[in-house]
Structure formats: C-alpha cells, structure tokens
Amino acid sequence: MPRLPVVCLLPRRRVTLLVLQPGQRLVHSAPPRQRPASTIAVAIALVVLFTAFFTPSGYVLSNMNQF
C-alpha cells in the first residue's frame, strides 16, 4: 500500500504530517513530546473545566423560579 499523507487537525504551532506505513497505524512524523504534563497542570485544568461547566448550571438551577 502506498504511503498516504494525512494532515493532523490538532491545534498546534505547526502542521503535523501523518504517514500511513505498511503494517502499522498512522504515525506522527514529528518527534514525541519530551515531558508529560505535570500533576499541578492537570489539577488546574480539571478545576477550570469543572468550573466552566458547573458554575453556569449551578446558577440556572439556583434561579430556576426566575426562568
């Protein structure tokens, strides 16, 4: 099977090219990340995510009689 270039649509600084190699899955042509995300960064991201979803829903539920 010939190599099929596919553009990865993840938001990054540069476009990453995916190459279909025979007998393998799609592989990034760019080198992998050197460091995994830290525990503090993951905790902050989870707090922001939950706050973004639960604050508006909590406001709506607490003021349900006005809607």
C-alpha atoms as a PDB file:
ATOM      1  CA  MET A   1       0.000   0.000   0.000  1.00  0.00           C
ATOM      2  CA  PRO A   2       1.490   3.401  -0.865  1.00  0.00           C
ATOM      3  CA  ARG A   3       2.098   5.973   1.813  1.00  0.00           C
ATOM      4  CA  LEU A   4      -0.896   8.280   2.177  1.00  0.00           C
ATOM      5  CA  PRO A   5      -0.193  11.696   3.725  1.00  0.00           C
ATOM      6  CA  VAL A   6      -2.915  12.915   6.068  1.00  0.00           C
ATOM      7  CA  VAL A   7      -2.941  16.308   7.791  1.00  0.00           C
ATOM      8  CA  CYS A   8      -3.450  16.140  11.541  1.00  0.00           C
ATOM      9  CA  LEU A   9      -6.102  18.697  12.565  1.00  0.00           C
ATOM     10  CA  LEU A  10      -4.979  19.143  16.150  1.00  0.00           C
ATOM     11  CA  PRO A  11      -4.379  22.761  17.203  1.00  0.00           C
ATOM     12  CA  ARG A  12      -0.604  23.085  17.365  1.00  0.00           C
ATOM     13  CA  ARG A  13       2.013  25.593  16.359  1.00  0.00           C
ATOM     14  CA  ARG A  14       2.852  23.728  13.184  1.00  0.00           C
ATOM     15  CA  VAL A  15       1.119  21.256  10.936  1.00  0.00           C
ATOM     16  CA  THR A  16       1.975  17.646  11.684  1.00  0.00           C
ATOM     17  CA  LEU A  17       2.028  15.156   8.861  1.00  0.00           C
ATOM     18  CA  LEU A  18       0.684  11.662   9.475  1.00  0.00           C
ATOM     19  CA  VAL A  19       2.083   8.882   7.304  1.00  0.00           C
ATOM     20  CA  LEU A  20       0.445   5.522   6.759  1.00  0.00           C
ATOM     21  CA  GLN A  21       3.242   2.976   6.838  1.00  0.00           C
ATOM     22  CA  PRO A  22       2.699  -0.597   5.662  1.00  0.00           C
ATOM     23  CA  GLY A  23       1.628  -2.884   8.506  1.00  0.00           C
ATOM     24  CA  GLN A  24       1.350  -0.022  11.022  1.00  0.00           C
ATOM     25  CA  ARG A  25      -1.164   2.527  12.115  1.00  0.00           C
ATOM     26  CA  LEU A  26      -0.922   6.244  11.404  1.00  0.00           C
ATOM     27  CA  VAL A  27       2.331   7.549  12.853  1.00  0.00           C
ATOM     28  CA  HIS A  28       3.283  11.171  13.527  1.00  0.00           C
ATOM     29  CA  SER A  29       6.294  12.305  11.573  1.00  0.00           C
ATOM     30  CA  ALA A  30       7.145  14.815  14.325  1.00  0.00           C
ATOM     31  CA  PRO A  31       9.119  13.645  17.376  1.00  0.00           C
ATOM     32  CA  PRO A  32       7.058  12.830  20.501  1.00  0.00           C
ATOM     33  CA  ARG A  33       6.775  15.225  23.429  1.00  0.00           C
ATOM     34  CA  GLN A  34       9.708  15.082  25.784  1.00  0.00           C
ATOM     35  CA  ARG A  35       7.871  15.783  29.058  1.00  0.00           C
ATOM     36  CA  PRO A  36       4.438  14.583  30.199  1.00  0.00           C
ATOM     37  CA  ALA A  37       2.041  17.087  31.772  1.00  0.00           C
ATOM     38  CA  SER A  38       2.731  17.791  35.425  1.00  0.00           C
ATOM     39  CA  THR A  39       0.292  16.918  38.187  1.00  0.00           C
ATOM     40  CA  ILE A  40      -0.299  20.579  39.028  1.00  0.00           C
ATOM     41  CA  ALA A  41      -1.115  21.431  35.408  1.00  0.00           C
ATOM     42  CA  VAL A  42      -3.608  18.560  35.228  1.00  0.00           C
ATOM     43  CA  ALA A  43      -5.221  19.633  38.511  1.00  0.00           C
ATOM     44  CA  ILE A  44      -5.567  23.231  37.327  1.00  0.00           C
ATOM     45  CA  ALA A  45      -7.038  22.090  34.014  1.00  0.00           C
ATOM     46  CA  LEU A  46      -9.617  19.910  35.782  1.00  0.00           C
ATOM     47  CA  VAL A  47     -10.621  22.748  38.131  1.00  0.00           C
ATOM     48  CA  VAL A  48     -11.051  25.135  35.202  1.00  0.00           C
ATOM     49  CA  LEU A  49     -13.032  22.558  33.232  1.00  0.00           C
ATOM     50  CA  PHE A  50     -15.418  21.744  36.070  1.00  0.00           C
ATOM     51  CA  THR A  51     -15.809  25.425  36.969  1.00  0.00           C
ATOM     52  CA  ALA A  52     -16.638  26.310  33.383  1.00  0.00           C
ATOM     53  CA  PHE A  53     -19.433  23.727  33.249  1.00  0.00           C
ATOM     54  CA  PHE A  54     -20.803  23.706  36.798  1.00  0.00           C
ATOM     55  CA  THR A  55     -20.918  27.451  37.526  1.00  0.00           C
ATOM     56  CA  PRO A  56     -23.489  28.309  34.812  1.00  0.00           C
ATOM     57  CA  SER A  57     -25.556  25.206  35.526  1.00  0.00           C
ATOM     58  CA  GLY A  58     -25.485  25.953  39.266  1.00  0.00           C
ATOM     59  CA  TYR A  59     -26.653  29.495  38.594  1.00  0.00           C
ATOM     60  CA  VAL A  60     -29.524  28.278  36.425  1.00  0.00           C
ATOM     61  CA  LEU A  61     -30.568  25.640  38.950  1.00  0.00           C
ATOM     62  CA  SER A  62     -30.452  28.085  41.882  1.00  0.00           C
ATOM     63  CA  ASN A  63     -32.559  30.664  39.969  1.00  0.00           C
ATOM     64  CA  MET A  64     -34.945  28.198  38.344  1.00  0.00           C
ATOM     65  CA  ASN A  65     -38.022  30.094  39.521  1.00  0.00           C
ATOM     66  CA  GLN A  66     -36.953  33.196  37.508  1.00  0.00           C
ATOM     67  CA  PHE A  67     -36.694  31.334  34.210  1.00  0.00           C
END
